[in-house]
């Protein structure tokens, strides 16, 4: 497993003790939505393109349980395709996104977090780097800042993730934090002051 690309790295705590043991993302059509669950890897984009080719009218991607990615590059490419193809993203009330799954959620043109949704973020480390110890002008930050800039996310969110939790832990965002970074833009763009996710 490549663990050198921080925000797009899956926390081993969420994939289990062995990184090789994970369920790749699967897609299922439910009404006018495509529902996704699993961990992003190098098969995800092909599976997504197959289901979208069969259902060209569907433009809502429900992220039921996306704990992260096991392939950093695949996560970036897939997330950009979701944005380019005009998909909206939804985390349902019983849903969860974390690490690279959160980055995928942010790719949606319109983004909905339903009450109770879990959104996890953390810092990164790998390749001899610890993100929190790098100066802000270090080039290792650029790949993530470029991605967020391309999808219209405030770069302050990136710096927030670095402080929120170390790479081997997870911070579950509150509604107040999600509102601060304008994570939800769709059906419920303001989440009030309630906690989004109970600790799991």
C-alpha atoms as a PDB file:
ATOM      1  CA  UNK A   1       0.000   0.000   0.000  1.00  0.00           C
ATOM      2  CA  UNK A   2       1.318   3.431  -0.923  1.00  0.00           C
ATOM      3  CA  UNK A   3       1.098   5.646   2.155  1.00  0.00           C
ATOM      4  CA  UNK A   4       2.934   8.700   0.902  1.00  0.00           C
ATOM      5  CA  UNK A   5      -0.018  10.830  -0.179  1.00  0.00           C
ATOM      6  CA  UNK A   6      -1.560  12.089   3.059  1.00  0.00           C
ATOM      7  CA  UNK A   7      -5.155  13.201   2.838  1.00  0.00           C
ATOM      8  CA  UNK A   8      -5.891  10.399   0.444  1.00  0.00           C
ATOM      9  CA  UNK A   9      -4.520   7.680   2.698  1.00  0.00           C
ATOM     10  CA  UNK A  10      -6.881   5.334   4.436  1.00  0.00           C
ATOM     11  CA  UNK A  11      -6.457   5.031   8.170  1.00  0.00           C
ATOM     12  CA  UNK A  12      -5.535   1.450   9.000  1.00  0.00           C
ATOM     13  CA  UNK A  13      -7.787   1.753  12.024  1.00  0.00           C
ATOM     14  CA  UNK A  14     -10.723   1.804   9.639  1.00  0.00           C
ATOM     15  CA  UNK A  15      -9.534  -0.811   7.184  1.00  0.00           C
ATOM     16  CA  UNK A  16      -8.619  -3.354   9.823  1.00  0.00           C
ATOM     17  CA  UNK A  17      -5.346  -4.734  11.046  1.00  0.00           C
ATOM     18  CA  UNK A  18      -4.187  -5.785   7.614  1.00  0.00           C
ATOM     19  CA  UNK A  19      -4.306  -3.244   4.790  1.00  0.00           C
ATOM     20  CA  UNK A  20      -4.782  -6.072   2.296  1.00  0.00           C
ATOM     21  CA  UNK A  21      -8.112  -6.967   3.916  1.00  0.00           C
ATOM     22  CA  UNK A  22     -10.666  -4.468   2.674  1.00  0.00           C
ATOM     23  CA  UNK A  23     -13.782  -4.348   0.571  1.00  0.00           C
ATOM     24  CA  UNK A  24     -13.309  -2.317  -2.621  1.00  0.00           C
ATOM     25  CA  UNK A  25     -16.013   0.186  -3.444  1.00  0.00           C
ATOM     26  CA  UNK A  26     -19.156  -1.332  -4.910  1.00  0.00           C
ATOM     27  CA  UNK A  27     -21.956   0.621  -6.557  1.00  0.00           C
ATOM     28  CA  UNK A  28     -25.655  -0.147  -6.563  1.00  0.00           C
ATOM     29  CA  UNK A  29     -28.524   1.761  -8.169  1.00  0.00           C
ATOM     30  CA  UNK A  30     -31.378   2.620  -5.835  1.00  0.00           C
ATOM     31  CA  UNK A  31     -34.079   4.640  -7.545  1.00  0.00           C
ATOM     32  CA  UNK A  32     -32.474   7.786  -8.942  1.00  0.00           C
ATOM     33  CA  UNK A  33     -29.267   7.436  -6.929  1.00  0.00           C
ATOM     34  CA  UNK A  34     -26.057   5.427  -7.093  1.00  0.00           C
ATOM     35  CA  UNK A  35     -25.065   4.148  -3.650  1.00  0.00           C
ATOM     36  CA  UNK A  36     -21.391   3.482  -2.899  1.00  0.00           C
ATOM     37  CA  UNK A  37     -19.768   1.510  -0.089  1.00  0.00           C
ATOM     38  CA  UNK A  38     -16.221   0.260   0.451  1.00  0.00           C
ATOM     39  CA  UNK A  39     -12.664   1.515   0.156  1.00  0.00           C
ATOM     40  CA  UNK A  40     -11.375   3.286  -2.932  1.00  0.00           C
ATOM     41  CA  UNK A  41      -8.735   1.414  -4.922  1.00  0.00           C
ATOM     42  CA  UNK A  42      -7.557   1.112  -8.513  1.00  0.00           C
ATOM     43  CA  UNK A  43     -10.755  -0.717  -9.542  1.00  0.00           C
ATOM     44  CA  UNK A  44     -13.136   2.008  -8.336  1.00  0.00           C
ATOM     45  CA  UNK A  45     -13.124   4.246 -11.392  1.00  0.00           C
ATOM     46  CA  UNK A  46     -13.790   1.359 -13.800  1.00  0.00           C
ATOM     47  CA  UNK A  47     -16.684   0.149 -11.639  1.00  0.00           C
ATOM     48  CA  UNK A  48     -18.079   3.684 -11.468  1.00  0.00           C
ATOM     49  CA  UNK A  49     -17.831   4.192 -15.230  1.00  0.00           C
ATOM     50  CA  UNK A  50     -19.563   0.875 -15.831  1.00  0.00           C
ATOM     51  CA  UNK A  51     -22.560   1.714 -13.660  1.00  0.00           C
ATOM     52  CA  UNK A  52     -22.830   5.295 -14.921  1.00  0.00           C
ATOM     53  CA  UNK A  53     -22.739   4.097 -18.536  1.00  0.00           C
ATOM     54  CA  UNK A  54     -25.727   1.886 -17.765  1.00  0.00           C
ATOM     55  CA  UNK A  55     -27.530   4.680 -15.888  1.00  0.00           C
ATOM     56  CA  UNK A  56     -26.610   7.926 -17.669  1.00  0.00           C
ATOM     57  CA  UNK A  57     -29.478   9.911 -16.157  1.00  0.00           C
ATOM     58  CA  UNK A  58     -28.366   9.470 -12.549  1.00  0.00           C
ATOM     59  CA  UNK A  59     -26.255  12.282 -11.098  1.00  0.00           C
ATOM     60  CA  UNK A  60     -26.465  11.640  -7.340  1.00  0.00           C
ATOM     61  CA  UNK A  61     -23.784   9.594  -5.595  1.00  0.00           C
ATOM     62  CA  UNK A  62     -24.725   8.436  -2.095  1.00  0.00           C
ATOM     63  CA  UNK A  63     -21.682   7.651   0.037  1.00  0.00           C
ATOM     64  CA  UNK A  64     -23.035   5.056   2.412  1.00  0.00           C
ATOM     65  CA  UNK A  65     -19.735   3.956   3.917  1.00  0.00           C
ATOM     66  CA  UNK A  66     -16.471   5.173   2.380  1.00  0.00           C
ATOM     67  CA  UNK A  67     -13.775   4.779   5.009  1.00  0.00           C
ATOM     68  CA  UNK A  68     -10.956   5.934   2.774  1.00  0.00           C
ATOM     69  CA  UNK A  69      -8.670   4.694   0.056  1.00  0.00           C
ATOM     70  CA  UNK A  70      -5.905   2.165  -0.368  1.00  0.00           C
ATOM     71  CA  UNK A  71      -4.653   3.806  -3.558  1.00  0.00           C
ATOM     72  CA  UNK A  72      -3.840   7.488  -3.278  1.00  0.00           C
ATOM     73  CA  UNK A  73      -3.640   8.261  -6.974  1.00  0.00           C
ATOM     74  CA  UNK A  74      -6.843   6.342  -7.722  1.00  0.00           C
ATOM     75  CA  UNK A  75      -8.695   8.385  -5.125  1.00  0.00           C
ATOM     76  CA  UNK A  76      -7.603  11.694  -6.647  1.00  0.00           C
ATOM     77  CA  UNK A  77      -8.478  10.612 -10.178  1.00  0.00           C
ATOM     78  CA  UNK A  78     -11.855   9.165  -9.155  1.00  0.00           C
ATOM     79  CA  UNK A  79     -12.794  12.233  -7.118  1.00  0.00           C
ATOM     80  CA  UNK A  80     -11.973  14.529 -10.021  1.00  0.00           C
ATOM     81  CA  UNK A  81     -14.127  12.424 -12.373  1.00  0.00           C
ATOM     82  CA  UNK A  82     -17.062  12.665  -9.949  1.00  0.00           C
ATOM     83  CA  UNK A  83     -16.746  16.454 -10.100  1.00  0.00           C
ATOM     84  CA  UNK A  84     -16.188  16.630 -13.856  1.00  0.00           C
ATOM     85  CA  UNK A  85     -19.220  14.456 -14.573  1.00  0.00           C
ATOM     86  CA  UNK A  86     -21.474  16.740 -12.537  1.00  0.00           C
ATOM     87  CA  UNK A  87     -22.379  14.441  -9.663  1.00  0.00           C
ATOM     88  CA  UNK A  88     -23.918  15.581  -6.407  1.00  0.00           C
ATOM     89  CA  UNK A  89     -22.741  13.757  -3.287  1.00  0.00           C
ATOM     90  CA  UNK A  90     -24.762  12.756  -0.232  1.00  0.00           C
ATOM     91  CA  UNK A  91     -23.768  11.216   3.095  1.00  0.00           C
ATOM     92  CA  UNK A  92     -27.013   9.789   4.544  1.00  0.00           C
ATOM     93  CA  UNK A  93     -27.968   9.924   8.193  1.00  0.00           C
ATOM     94  CA  UNK A  94     -26.557   6.426   8.756  1.00  0.00           C
ATOM     95  CA  UNK A  95     -23.594   6.987   6.446  1.00  0.00           C
ATOM     96  CA  UNK A  96     -19.884   7.523   6.995  1.00  0.00           C
ATOM     97  CA  UNK A  97     -17.028   9.085   5.081  1.00  0.00           C
ATOM     98  CA  UNK A  98     -13.493   9.377   6.422  1.00  0.00           C
ATOM     99  CA  UNK A  99     -10.034  10.305   5.182  1.00  0.00           C
ATOM    100  CA  UNK A 100     -10.083   9.907   1.387  1.00  0.00           C
ATOM    101  CA  UNK A 101     -13.834   9.326   1.582  1.00  0.00           C
ATOM    102  CA  UNK A 102     -14.234  12.867   2.895  1.00  0.00           C
ATOM    103  CA  UNK A 103     -12.159  14.174  -0.009  1.00  0.00           C
ATOM    104  CA  UNK A 104     -14.472  12.276  -2.367  1.00  0.00           C
ATOM    105  CA  UNK A 105     -17.559  13.772  -0.734  1.00  0.00           C
ATOM    106  CA  UNK A 106     -16.146  17.258  -1.313  1.00  0.00           C
ATOM    107  CA  UNK A 107     -15.919  16.570  -5.052  1.00  0.00           C
ATOM    108  CA  UNK A 108     -19.713  16.791  -5.378  1.00  0.00           C
ATOM    109  CA  UNK A 109     -21.150  19.759  -7.255  1.00  0.00           C
ATOM    110  CA  UNK A 110     -23.847  19.878  -4.594  1.00  0.00           C
ATOM    111  CA  UNK A 111     -23.090  18.230  -1.262  1.00  0.00           C
ATOM    112  CA  UNK A 112     -25.568  17.035   1.352  1.00  0.00           C
ATOM    113  CA  UNK A 113     -24.809  15.863   4.883  1.00  0.00           C
ATOM    114  CA  UNK A 114     -27.913  14.411   6.470  1.00  0.00           C
ATOM    115  CA  UNK A 115     -28.323  14.671  10.273  1.00  0.00           C
ATOM    116  CA  UNK A 116     -26.332  11.868  11.881  1.00  0.00           C
ATOM    117  CA  UNK A 117     -23.820  11.533   9.038  1.00  0.00           C
ATOM    118  CA  UNK A 118     -20.230  10.821  10.102  1.00  0.00           C
ATOM    119  CA  UNK A 119     -17.427  12.846   8.509  1.00  0.00           C
ATOM    120  CA  UNK A 120     -13.890  11.943   9.557  1.00  0.00           C
ATOM    121  CA  UNK A 121     -10.668  13.853   8.919  1.00  0.00           C
ATOM    122  CA  UNK A 122      -7.074  13.506   9.983  1.00  0.00           C
ATOM    123  CA  UNK A 123      -3.560  14.587   9.152  1.00  0.00           C
ATOM    124  CA  UNK A 124      -1.128  12.627   7.086  1.00  0.00           C
ATOM    125  CA  UNK A 125       2.285  11.132   7.403  1.00  0.00           C
ATOM    126  CA  UNK A 126       4.439   9.009   5.134  1.00  0.00           C
ATOM    127  CA  UNK A 127       7.452   8.991   2.900  1.00  0.00           C
ATOM    128  CA  UNK A 128       9.503  10.375   5.757  1.00  0.00           C
ATOM    129  CA  UNK A 129       7.166  13.326   6.253  1.00  0.00           C
ATOM    130  CA  UNK A 130       4.838  14.333   9.068  1.00  0.00           C
ATOM    131  CA  UNK A 131       2.455  16.951   7.683  1.00  0.00           C
ATOM    132  CA  UNK A 132       2.106  18.965  10.862  1.00  0.00           C
ATOM    133  CA  UNK A 133       5.887  19.423  11.014  1.00  0.00           C
ATOM    134  CA  UNK A 134       6.266  20.766   7.489  1.00  0.00           C
ATOM    135  CA  UNK A 135       6.364  24.522   6.831  1.00  0.00           C
ATOM    136  CA  UNK A 136       3.302  25.832   5.028  1.00  0.00           C
ATOM    137  CA  UNK A 137       5.294  26.530   1.873  1.00  0.00           C
ATOM    138  CA  UNK A 138       6.610  22.970   1.620  1.00  0.00           C
ATOM    139  CA  UNK A 139       5.868  21.482  -1.831  1.00  0.00           C
ATOM    140  CA  UNK A 140       4.382  18.307  -0.284  1.00  0.00           C
ATOM    141  CA  UNK A 141       1.318  20.380   0.601  1.00  0.00           C
ATOM    142  CA  UNK A 142       0.747  21.497  -2.983  1.00  0.00           C
ATOM    143  CA  UNK A 143      -0.905  18.341  -4.298  1.00  0.00           C
ATOM    144  CA  UNK A 144      -3.682  18.615  -1.709  1.00  0.00           C
ATOM    145  CA  UNK A 145      -4.042  22.367  -1.910  1.00  0.00           C
ATOM    146  CA  UNK A 146      -4.282  22.072  -5.715  1.00  0.00           C
ATOM    147  CA  UNK A 147      -7.012  19.442  -5.450  1.00  0.00           C
ATOM    148  CA  UNK A 148      -9.097  21.520  -3.038  1.00  0.00           C
ATOM    149  CA  UNK A 149      -8.567  24.625  -5.151  1.00  0.00           C
ATOM    150  CA  UNK A 150      -9.735  22.776  -8.264  1.00  0.00           C
ATOM    151  CA  UNK A 151     -12.978  21.650  -6.569  1.00  0.00           C
ATOM    152  CA  UNK A 152     -13.609  25.016  -4.899  1.00  0.00           C
ATOM    153  CA  UNK A 153     -12.904  24.061  -1.275  1.00  0.00           C
ATOM    154  CA  UNK A 154     -11.399  26.648   1.059  1.00  0.00           C
ATOM    155  CA  UNK A 155      -7.703  25.792   1.599  1.00  0.00           C
ATOM    156  CA  UNK A 156      -8.277  26.486   5.301  1.00  0.00           C
ATOM    157  CA  UNK A 157      -9.987  23.091   5.393  1.00  0.00           C
ATOM    158  CA  UNK A 158      -6.703  21.399   4.499  1.00  0.00           C
ATOM    159  CA  UNK A 159      -4.870  23.096   7.347  1.00  0.00           C
ATOM    160  CA  UNK A 160      -7.737  22.191   9.674  1.00  0.00           C
ATOM    161  CA  UNK A 161      -7.334  18.496   8.858  1.00  0.00           C
ATOM    162  CA  UNK A 162      -3.651  18.611   9.753  1.00  0.00           C
ATOM    163  CA  UNK A 163      -4.476  19.853  13.244  1.00  0.00           C
ATOM    164  CA  UNK A 164      -7.641  17.811  13.768  1.00  0.00           C
ATOM    165  CA  UNK A 165      -6.035  14.409  14.443  1.00  0.00           C
ATOM    166  CA  UNK A 166      -2.757  12.609  13.738  1.00  0.00           C
ATOM    167  CA  UNK A 167      -2.556  10.210  10.803  1.00  0.00           C
ATOM    168  CA  UNK A 168      -3.289   7.139  12.914  1.00  0.00           C
ATOM    169  CA  UNK A 169      -6.405   8.629  14.519  1.00  0.00           C
ATOM    170  CA  UNK A 170      -9.644  10.202  13.263  1.00  0.00           C
ATOM    171  CA  UNK A 171     -11.507  13.375  14.161  1.00  0.00           C
ATOM    172  CA  UNK A 172     -15.269  13.247  13.632  1.00  0.00           C
ATOM    173  CA  UNK A 173     -16.442  16.665  12.552  1.00  0.00           C
ATOM    174  CA  UNK A 174     -19.168  18.563  14.346  1.00  0.00           C
ATOM    175  CA  UNK A 175     -21.914  20.382  12.482  1.00  0.00           C
ATOM    176  CA  UNK A 176     -20.293  23.645  13.527  1.00  0.00           C
ATOM    177  CA  UNK A 177     -17.042  22.588  11.860  1.00  0.00           C
ATOM    178  CA  UNK A 178     -18.839  21.408   8.735  1.00  0.00           C
ATOM    179  CA  UNK A 179     -20.667  24.740   8.549  1.00  0.00           C
ATOM    180  CA  UNK A 180     -17.409  26.654   8.990  1.00  0.00           C
ATOM    181  CA  UNK A 181     -15.957  25.030   5.886  1.00  0.00           C
ATOM    182  CA  UNK A 182     -19.238  25.047   3.914  1.00  0.00           C
ATOM    183  CA  UNK A 183     -19.049  21.315   3.388  1.00  0.00           C
ATOM    184  CA  UNK A 184     -22.771  20.955   2.741  1.00  0.00           C
ATOM    185  CA  UNK A 185     -24.183  22.894  -0.184  1.00  0.00           C
ATOM    186  CA  UNK A 186     -27.237  20.836  -1.134  1.00  0.00           C
ATOM    187  CA  UNK A 187     -30.576  20.065   0.470  1.00  0.00           C
ATOM    188  CA  UNK A 188     -29.379  21.045   3.952  1.00  0.00           C
ATOM    189  CA  UNK A 189     -26.581  23.572   3.525  1.00  0.00           C
ATOM    190  CA  UNK A 190     -26.720  24.664   7.162  1.00  0.00           C
ATOM    191  CA  UNK A 191     -26.592  21.986   9.816  1.00  0.00           C
ATOM    192  CA  UNK A 192     -27.382  24.140  12.831  1.00  0.00           C
ATOM    193  CA  UNK A 193     -25.416  23.443  15.986  1.00  0.00           C
ATOM    194  CA  UNK A 194     -26.080  19.721  16.438  1.00  0.00           C
ATOM    195  CA  UNK A 195     -23.308  17.170  16.307  1.00  0.00           C
ATOM    196  CA  UNK A 196     -23.324  15.368  12.979  1.00  0.00           C
ATOM    197  CA  UNK A 197     -21.991  12.055  14.161  1.00  0.00           C
ATOM    198  CA  UNK A 198     -21.960  10.198  17.460  1.00  0.00           C
ATOM    199  CA  UNK A 199     -18.585   8.623  18.093  1.00  0.00           C
ATOM    200  CA  UNK A 200     -18.456   5.084  16.706  1.00  0.00           C
END
